[in-house]
Amino acid sequence: MSITNPYLDHSIADLITRAKGLNAIYDKVAAISISAADIWSYTTRTLTSPSFGDIVTKNLTDILADSTAFNGADIATIKGYLESGGAIYDFIDEIESLLKDATYGLSALNTDLDTLLSRLTATRAGYLDNLSGGAVALEATLDAIKGTGWTNETLKAIKDAIDALNDIAASDVWAYATRTLTSHAFPFTNPASAIDLSNVRVALQSDPLNVIRDAILSDATKFAGANIDAAISSRSSHSAADVWSVATRTLTNPASEQDLTNMKVTAIPKSIDESGSFTWDTSSYGTNETDISALFTTDLTGTTRRKYTVYLDLTNVAGDTASFTVTIRVKVKIDGANYRTIDKKDIAKADLAADEEPGVPIDIPPVAQDVQITMKFDTALASDQTIYYHYVKEVLE
């Protein structure tokens, strides 16, 4: 890369060498600190040359060797070249700017070189070695790619062969009027196997005298009516009367509700009971009103006629360090859509002490709609607490 300057045109290496020489000149000039008094106090001095030409014509070697005398004007001229705005200063500044260029400067070139070296793995170097092998090596590589058994095949020849294939669309196949099967492959050679005709339209084109039908029905080995009946009857020996004559039947899932609309049932359990526990998560529930019946194993929703007696054990709640009053509400979806409170009770923490009433009974009258029990603390509990429950559901229908 070369740099064009109004004054010079040199390579980067040459410019760096010259810049170092100019820096040396600048250092020597900057070191001059002789005053007029120093000059006049000097005992003797022989002037070797009383006149000076343009500083550009002076020999730099002579200047550095102090073989040619200087006067103040010469020093000022040199200093002007080296200071900001001077030709030498601006030239050095341009060199420095080029060396620091973000795209082509030394740092950028060093980064690009590091990138190239990091990407030049052994595998990629091998690729370059292959390229350097010349036409013979390339031909051997292409032969290996092509494989054996080829003569004069080319990419164009392969494309022409593909284009020459019969390009038949699906619509062309279905539009064809008739098709003769040249090979009765499976399943046609095995008529005993089932054929899936769910997406195929099949029709007997002409059988006015039921010849085909009669032939099928008369095939004593495969399609005879007696054989069909025997195959079906052999599957089970139970008649409908046998099924209905079974005296009892145990339901495998008695906990789920059963539709008994069209069934005659002689015995229905009149009550169902459930016991369990749930955790009052104080970080989630806090002082919010929460549906605790939804935390039961089986909630209290339903549309059958029933009533509940529910018991809550708040012993653990009473042991919490927080001071609180808890509000318990019973709600019923009276209109079938919205829960309405039908009973409410506020209980102070002191009333839940072990020697008071830590067990809370809740009676829910007969109902045929969804039921809900909620709980709300006016002050959040200090920690999570386990609440035990038990309820009895009495069936009224």
Protein backbone atom coordinates (compact mmCIF):
# COMPACT_ATOMS: atom_id res chain seq x y z
CA MET A 1 0.00 0.00 0.00
CA SER A 2 1.38 3.49 -0.83
CA ILE A 3 0.48 6.94 0.51
CA THR A 4 0.19 9.97 -1.74
CA ASN A 5 1.29 13.29 -0.19
CA PRO A 6 1.57 16.73 -1.78
CA TYR A 7 5.29 16.49 -1.08
CA LEU A 8 6.25 12.81 -1.03
CA ASP A 9 5.14 9.38 -2.19
CA HIS A 10 6.77 6.53 -0.25
CA SER A 11 5.94 3.05 1.09
CA ILE A 12 4.82 2.63 4.71
CA ALA A 13 8.17 1.08 5.76
CA ASP A 14 10.05 4.00 4.16
CA LEU A 15 7.76 6.54 5.85
CA ILE A 16 8.23 4.94 9.27
CA THR A 17 12.06 5.05 8.81
CA ARG A 18 11.95 8.69 7.74
CA ALA A 19 9.60 9.56 10.60
CA LYS A 20 12.11 8.14 13.07
CA GLY A 21 14.83 10.38 11.56
CA LEU A 22 12.60 13.42 11.81
CA ASN A 23 11.85 12.60 15.43
CA ALA A 24 15.61 12.60 16.07
CA ILE A 25 15.90 16.03 14.48
CA TYR A 26 13.01 17.31 16.56
CA ASP A 27 14.62 15.98 19.75
CA LYS A 28 17.92 17.74 19.00
CA VAL A 29 16.16 21.02 18.21
CA ALA A 30 14.05 20.78 21.36
CA ALA A 31 17.24 20.24 23.37
CA ILE A 32 18.68 23.60 22.25
CA SER A 33 18.25 26.03 25.11
CA ILE A 34 21.05 28.57 24.47
CA SER A 35 20.30 32.18 25.38
CA ALA A 36 21.83 35.31 23.84
CA ALA A 37 23.91 35.77 26.99
CA ASP A 38 25.35 32.27 26.51
CA ILE A 39 26.37 33.14 22.96
CA TRP A 40 28.04 36.50 23.87
CA SER A 41 29.79 35.03 26.86
CA TYR A 42 31.48 32.40 24.72
CA THR A 43 35.18 33.38 24.38
CA THR A 44 35.82 32.56 20.76
CA ARG A 45 33.77 31.24 17.85
CA THR A 46 34.81 30.93 14.21
CA LEU A 47 31.96 31.37 11.76
CA THR A 48 32.46 28.77 9.02
CA SER A 49 29.72 30.18 6.82
CA PRO A 50 28.05 33.57 7.23
CA SER A 51 25.13 32.90 4.86
CA PHE A 52 22.41 30.22 4.75
CA GLY A 53 20.13 29.15 2.00
CA ASP A 54 16.69 27.60 2.11
CA ILE A 55 16.57 24.99 4.95
CA VAL A 56 15.21 22.40 2.51
CA THR A 57 18.51 22.50 0.51
CA LYS A 58 20.70 21.86 3.55
CA ASN A 59 22.26 18.44 3.97
CA LEU A 60 20.69 16.73 6.97
CA THR A 61 23.88 14.76 7.63
CA ASP A 62 25.87 18.00 7.87
CA ILE A 63 23.22 19.53 10.11
CA LEU A 64 23.28 16.61 12.53
CA ALA A 65 27.09 16.54 12.50
CA ASP A 66 27.15 20.28 13.28
CA SER A 67 29.51 20.76 10.34
CA THR A 68 27.56 23.79 9.12
CA ALA A 69 26.91 26.72 11.39
CA PHE A 70 23.34 27.81 12.23
CA ASN A 71 21.85 31.16 12.90
CA GLY A 72 18.60 31.97 14.68
CA ALA A 73 16.62 32.18 11.45
CA ASP A 74 17.60 28.64 10.49
CA ILE A 75 16.51 27.27 13.84
CA ALA A 76 13.23 29.13 13.67
CA THR A 77 12.61 27.77 10.17
CA ILE A 78 13.28 24.18 11.28
CA LYS A 79 11.07 24.68 14.31
CA GLY A 80 8.31 25.98 12.03
CA TYR A 81 8.42 22.81 9.96
CA LEU A 82 8.21 20.64 13.07
CA GLU A 83 5.45 22.53 14.88
CA SER A 84 1.71 22.10 14.30
CA GLY A 85 0.87 23.40 10.84
CA GLY A 86 4.38 22.81 9.55
CA ALA A 87 4.95 20.55 6.56
CA ILE A 88 6.97 17.95 8.47
CA TYR A 89 4.57 17.98 11.44
CA ASP A 90 1.53 17.59 9.18
CA PHE A 91 3.26 14.84 7.20
CA ILE A 92 4.08 12.91 10.39
CA ASP A 93 0.52 13.51 11.63
CA GLU A 94 -0.83 12.08 8.38
CA ILE A 95 1.38 9.02 8.77
CA GLU A 96 0.18 8.53 12.34
CA SER A 97 -3.43 8.91 11.23
CA LEU A 98 -2.96 6.28 8.52
CA LEU A 99 -1.28 3.88 10.94
CA LYS A 100 -4.19 4.30 13.38
CA ASP A 101 -6.89 4.02 10.71
CA ALA A 102 -9.76 1.85 12.04
CA THR A 103 -10.07 -0.06 8.77
CA TYR A 104 -6.55 -0.20 7.31
CA GLY A 105 -4.32 0.78 10.26
CA LEU A 106 -1.83 -1.47 12.01
CA SER A 107 -4.35 -2.50 14.70
CA ALA A 108 -7.00 -3.41 12.10
CA LEU A 109 -4.47 -5.29 9.99
CA ASN A 110 -3.25 -7.16 13.07
CA THR A 111 -6.85 -8.12 13.95
CA ASP A 112 -7.50 -9.33 10.39
CA LEU A 113 -4.29 -11.36 10.46
CA ASP A 114 -5.26 -12.97 13.79
CA THR A 115 -8.67 -13.82 12.31
CA LEU A 116 -7.11 -15.43 9.25
CA LEU A 117 -4.67 -17.45 11.37
CA SER A 118 -7.45 -18.63 13.69
CA ARG A 119 -9.58 -19.75 10.73
CA LEU A 120 -6.72 -21.46 8.94
CA THR A 121 -7.22 -24.87 10.56
CA ALA A 122 -5.34 -27.99 9.52
CA THR A 123 -8.35 -29.13 7.49
CA ARG A 124 -8.57 -25.85 5.60
CA ALA A 125 -4.82 -25.84 5.07
CA GLY A 126 -5.26 -29.27 3.50
CA TYR A 127 -7.79 -27.79 1.10
CA LEU A 128 -5.25 -25.17 0.07
CA ASP A 129 -2.65 -27.91 -0.42
CA ASN A 130 -5.09 -29.70 -2.72
CA LEU A 131 -5.56 -26.54 -4.75
CA SER A 132 -1.80 -26.18 -5.06
CA GLY A 133 -1.56 -29.68 -6.51
CA GLY A 134 -2.47 -28.38 -9.95
CA ALA A 135 -4.77 -29.76 -12.60
CA VAL A 136 -3.76 -33.39 -11.99
CA ALA A 137 -4.71 -33.26 -8.32
CA LEU A 138 -7.99 -31.52 -9.13
CA GLU A 139 -8.83 -34.08 -11.76
CA ALA A 140 -8.18 -36.92 -9.31
CA THR A 141 -10.49 -35.26 -6.78
CA LEU A 142 -13.25 -34.85 -9.35
CA ASP A 143 -12.84 -38.49 -10.42
CA ALA A 144 -13.25 -39.57 -6.79
CA ILE A 145 -16.44 -37.49 -6.52
CA LYS A 146 -17.82 -38.87 -9.77
CA GLY A 147 -17.21 -42.49 -8.78
CA THR A 148 -16.68 -45.54 -10.94
CA GLY A 149 -18.89 -46.68 -13.78
CA TRP A 150 -19.20 -43.29 -15.47
CA THR A 151 -17.94 -42.55 -18.95
CA ASN A 152 -18.95 -39.22 -20.48
CA GLU A 153 -21.80 -38.22 -18.15
CA THR A 154 -22.03 -34.51 -17.37
CA LEU A 155 -24.36 -32.38 -15.29
CA LYS A 156 -26.11 -31.30 -18.47
CA ALA A 157 -26.50 -34.91 -19.57
CA ILE A 158 -28.05 -35.79 -16.20
CA LYS A 159 -30.45 -32.84 -16.45
CA ASP A 160 -31.47 -33.82 -19.98
CA ALA A 161 -32.14 -37.39 -18.83
CA ILE A 162 -34.37 -36.13 -16.00
CA ASP A 163 -36.23 -33.79 -18.35
CA ALA A 164 -36.82 -36.72 -20.71
CA LEU A 165 -38.68 -38.68 -18.02
CA ASN A 166 -42.43 -38.98 -18.35
CA ASP A 167 -43.72 -36.02 -16.34
CA ILE A 168 -47.17 -37.21 -15.29
CA ALA A 169 -49.34 -35.20 -12.92
CA ALA A 170 -51.78 -36.78 -10.46
CA SER A 171 -54.64 -35.33 -12.49
CA ASP A 172 -53.33 -37.16 -15.58
CA VAL A 173 -53.48 -40.49 -13.73
CA TRP A 174 -57.04 -40.01 -12.48
CA ALA A 175 -58.24 -38.72 -15.84
CA TYR A 176 -57.17 -41.90 -17.61
CA ALA A 177 -60.29 -43.89 -18.53
CA THR A 178 -59.15 -47.49 -18.02
CA ARG A 179 -56.16 -49.28 -16.62
CA THR A 180 -55.24 -52.94 -17.02
CA LEU A 181 -53.36 -54.40 -14.06
CA THR A 182 -50.29 -56.09 -15.44
CA SER A 183 -49.40 -57.78 -12.16
CA HIS A 184 -51.83 -58.93 -9.52
CA ALA A 185 -49.51 -58.29 -6.61
CA PHE A 186 -50.51 -58.38 -2.95
CA PRO A 187 -53.21 -58.14 -1.75
CA PHE A 188 -54.93 -59.40 -4.91
CA THR A 189 -53.05 -62.71 -4.75
CA ASN A 190 -54.26 -63.19 -1.19
CA PRO A 191 -58.03 -62.68 -1.19
CA ALA A 192 -58.23 -63.85 2.41
CA SER A 193 -56.54 -60.62 3.52
CA ALA A 194 -58.58 -57.51 4.17
CA ILE A 195 -58.30 -54.63 1.69
CA ASP A 196 -58.85 -51.07 2.93
CA LEU A 197 -61.32 -49.49 0.49
CA SER A 198 -62.36 -46.62 2.76
CA ASN A 199 -61.03 -44.01 0.32
CA VAL A 200 -61.71 -45.96 -2.90
CA ARG A 201 -64.99 -45.91 -4.81
CA VAL A 202 -65.76 -49.48 -5.95
CA ALA A 203 -68.72 -50.61 -7.98
CA LEU A 204 -69.72 -53.70 -9.98
CA GLN A 205 -70.03 -52.26 -13.49
CA SER A 206 -72.36 -54.95 -14.82
CA ASP A 207 -73.92 -57.77 -12.91
CA PRO A 208 -77.58 -57.70 -13.95
CA LEU A 209 -78.13 -61.33 -13.07
CA ASN A 210 -76.23 -61.20 -9.75
CA VAL A 211 -73.74 -63.68 -11.18
CA ILE A 212 -70.84 -62.21 -9.20
CA ARG A 213 -72.89 -61.99 -6.01
CA ASP A 214 -74.08 -65.58 -6.34
CA ALA A 215 -70.53 -66.75 -7.02
CA ILE A 216 -69.32 -65.10 -3.84
CA LEU A 217 -72.12 -66.47 -1.72
CA SER A 218 -71.70 -69.96 -3.17
CA ASP A 219 -67.97 -70.17 -2.36
CA ALA A 220 -68.18 -72.79 0.32
CA THR A 221 -64.60 -72.24 1.46
CA LYS A 222 -64.71 -68.49 2.00
CA PHE A 223 -68.04 -66.74 1.68
CA ALA A 224 -70.76 -69.24 2.51
CA GLY A 225 -73.32 -67.84 4.89
CA ALA A 226 -72.88 -70.80 7.21
CA ASN A 227 -69.19 -70.06 7.58
CA ILE A 228 -69.85 -66.42 8.35
CA ASP A 229 -72.40 -67.29 11.01
CA ALA A 230 -70.02 -69.84 12.53
CA ALA A 231 -67.23 -67.30 12.72
CA ILE A 232 -69.43 -64.80 14.52
CA SER A 233 -71.06 -67.26 16.88
CA SER A 234 -67.71 -68.67 17.90
CA ARG A 235 -66.65 -65.34 19.37
CA SER A 236 -68.92 -65.55 22.43
CA SER A 237 -71.28 -68.04 24.00
CA HIS A 238 -73.27 -65.37 25.90
CA SER A 239 -76.72 -64.36 24.83
CA ALA A 240 -78.44 -61.11 25.76
CA ALA A 241 -80.45 -63.02 28.34
CA ASP A 242 -77.22 -64.26 29.91
CA VAL A 243 -75.98 -60.71 30.31
CA TRP A 244 -79.14 -59.39 31.95
CA SER A 245 -79.43 -62.44 34.19
CA VAL A 246 -76.20 -61.58 36.04
CA ALA A 247 -77.36 -60.69 39.54
CA THR A 248 -74.76 -58.07 40.57
CA ARG A 249 -72.13 -55.88 38.99
CA THR A 250 -69.34 -54.06 40.82
CA LEU A 251 -68.58 -50.56 39.53
CA THR A 252 -64.84 -50.09 39.11
CA ASN A 253 -65.08 -46.32 39.74
CA PRO A 254 -67.80 -45.78 42.36
CA ALA A 255 -66.38 -42.35 43.32
CA SER A 256 -67.46 -40.79 40.01
CA GLU A 257 -70.99 -39.63 39.37
CA GLN A 258 -73.09 -42.05 37.31
CA ASP A 259 -75.98 -41.22 34.99
CA LEU A 260 -78.80 -43.37 36.38
CA THR A 261 -81.58 -41.80 34.33
CA ASN A 262 -82.41 -45.01 32.44
CA MET A 263 -81.18 -47.47 35.02
CA LYS A 264 -83.12 -49.17 37.76
CA VAL A 265 -81.04 -49.01 40.91
CA THR A 266 -82.12 -50.61 44.15
CA ALA A 267 -79.40 -49.29 46.46
CA ILE A 268 -77.71 -45.87 46.47
CA PRO A 269 -75.34 -44.74 49.23
CA LYS A 270 -77.07 -42.04 51.24
CA SER A 271 -73.90 -40.35 52.44
CA ILE A 272 -70.31 -39.86 51.39
CA ASP A 273 -67.55 -38.72 53.72
CA GLU A 274 -64.04 -37.35 53.08
CA SER A 275 -61.10 -36.40 55.27
CA GLY A 276 -57.89 -34.63 54.28
CA SER A 277 -55.75 -31.55 54.67
CA PHE A 278 -54.45 -28.58 52.70
CA THR A 279 -51.77 -25.93 53.18
CA TRP A 280 -52.59 -22.27 53.72
CA ASP A 281 -49.83 -20.66 51.61
CA THR A 282 -49.46 -17.29 53.29
CA SER A 283 -47.21 -15.91 50.53
CA SER A 284 -49.93 -16.62 47.95
CA TYR A 285 -53.13 -16.07 49.95
CA GLY A 286 -52.02 -13.37 52.40
CA THR A 287 -55.11 -11.38 53.39
CA ASN A 288 -57.09 -12.38 50.27
CA GLU A 289 -60.40 -14.19 50.50
CA THR A 290 -59.63 -17.72 49.31
CA ASP A 291 -61.88 -20.64 48.32
CA ILE A 292 -60.60 -23.35 50.66
CA SER A 293 -63.23 -25.89 49.54
CA ALA A 294 -61.45 -25.91 46.17
CA LEU A 295 -58.42 -27.26 48.06
CA PHE A 296 -60.37 -30.32 49.27
CA THR A 297 -59.70 -33.59 47.46
CA THR A 298 -63.31 -33.37 46.22
CA ASP A 299 -64.78 -29.88 46.12
CA LEU A 300 -68.40 -29.03 47.00
CA THR A 301 -69.69 -28.30 43.50
CA GLY A 302 -72.57 -30.15 41.84
CA THR A 303 -76.21 -29.87 40.85
CA THR A 304 -77.65 -32.90 42.65
CA ARG A 305 -79.68 -32.42 45.80
CA ARG A 306 -77.43 -32.81 48.86
CA LYS A 307 -76.31 -31.22 52.10
CA TYR A 308 -72.97 -31.04 53.94
CA THR A 309 -71.59 -31.00 57.44
CA VAL A 310 -68.01 -29.71 57.33
CA TYR A 311 -65.41 -29.56 60.13
CA LEU A 312 -62.20 -27.49 60.05
CA ASP A 313 -59.30 -28.00 62.48
CA LEU A 314 -57.53 -24.63 62.95
CA THR A 315 -55.14 -25.75 65.71
CA ASN A 316 -52.05 -25.06 63.59
CA VAL A 317 -53.42 -21.68 62.58
CA ALA A 318 -53.90 -20.74 66.25
CA GLY A 319 -50.20 -21.50 66.84
CA ASP A 320 -49.02 -18.93 64.29
CA THR A 321 -47.15 -15.93 65.72
CA ALA A 322 -49.35 -13.39 63.92
CA SER A 323 -52.35 -11.79 65.66
CA PHE A 324 -55.43 -12.06 63.50
CA THR A 325 -59.15 -12.47 63.09
CA VAL A 326 -60.26 -14.99 60.49
CA THR A 327 -63.54 -14.69 58.55
CA ILE A 328 -65.21 -17.85 57.24
CA ARG A 329 -68.02 -17.58 54.68
CA VAL A 330 -70.36 -20.16 53.13
CA LYS A 331 -71.51 -19.29 49.61
CA VAL A 332 -74.02 -20.85 47.23
CA LYS A 333 -74.44 -20.21 43.53
CA ILE A 334 -78.14 -19.49 44.02
CA ASP A 335 -78.87 -18.29 40.49
CA GLY A 336 -76.60 -20.93 39.01
CA ALA A 337 -74.04 -18.30 37.99
CA ASN A 338 -72.98 -16.13 40.97
CA TYR A 339 -71.87 -17.12 44.47
CA ARG A 340 -73.85 -15.44 47.27
CA THR A 341 -72.92 -15.55 50.98
CA ILE A 342 -75.49 -17.42 53.10
CA ASP A 343 -73.47 -17.63 56.34
CA LYS A 344 -70.52 -15.77 57.84
CA LYS A 345 -68.47 -16.07 61.02
CA ASP A 346 -65.57 -13.97 62.40
CA ILE A 347 -63.25 -15.83 64.79
CA ALA A 348 -60.47 -14.17 66.80
CA LYS A 349 -57.18 -15.97 67.30
CA ALA A 350 -57.78 -16.26 71.05
CA ASP A 351 -61.01 -18.20 70.40
CA LEU A 352 -59.04 -20.87 68.53
CA ALA A 353 -56.79 -21.76 71.47
CA ALA A 354 -56.55 -25.41 72.50
CA ASP A 355 -58.69 -24.77 75.58
CA GLU A 356 -61.26 -22.86 73.50
CA GLU A 357 -62.69 -24.07 70.14
CA PRO A 358 -59.96 -24.79 67.53
CA GLY A 359 -62.45 -27.02 65.66
CA VAL A 360 -64.98 -25.14 63.53
CA PRO A 361 -68.24 -26.87 62.42
CA ILE A 362 -70.02 -25.64 59.29
CA ASP A 363 -73.52 -26.79 58.38
CA ILE A 364 -74.66 -26.36 54.78
CA PRO A 365 -78.42 -26.83 54.30
CA PRO A 366 -79.91 -28.86 51.44
CA VAL A 367 -78.80 -27.46 48.11
CA ALA A 368 -78.73 -28.38 44.43
CA GLN A 369 -76.16 -25.82 43.27
CA ASP A 370 -72.41 -25.28 43.62
CA VAL A 371 -71.21 -24.59 47.18
CA GLN A 372 -68.09 -22.74 48.31
CA ILE A 373 -66.35 -22.15 51.66
CA THR A 374 -63.94 -19.20 51.81
CA MET A 375 -61.45 -18.02 54.42
CA LYS A 376 -59.85 -14.60 54.91
CA PHE A 377 -57.34 -13.33 57.51
CA ASP A 378 -57.25 -9.62 58.40
CA THR A 379 -53.50 -10.01 59.08
CA ALA A 380 -51.34 -12.37 57.03
CA LEU A 381 -50.02 -15.42 58.87
CA ALA A 382 -46.31 -15.40 59.64
CA SER A 383 -45.79 -18.82 58.04
CA ASP A 384 -47.62 -21.51 56.05
CA GLN A 385 -50.00 -23.65 58.10
CA THR A 386 -51.63 -27.05 57.54
CA ILE A 387 -55.41 -27.15 57.99
CA TYR A 388 -57.22 -30.48 58.40
CA TYR A 389 -60.81 -30.98 57.30
CA HIS A 390 -63.57 -33.59 57.35
CA TYR A 391 -66.97 -33.48 55.79
CA VAL A 392 -70.01 -35.69 55.34
CA LYS A 393 -72.10 -35.29 52.22
CA GLU A 394 -75.67 -36.51 52.53
CA VAL A 395 -77.32 -37.49 49.26
CA LEU A 396 -80.96 -36.40 48.97
CA GLU A 397 -81.95 -38.10 45.70
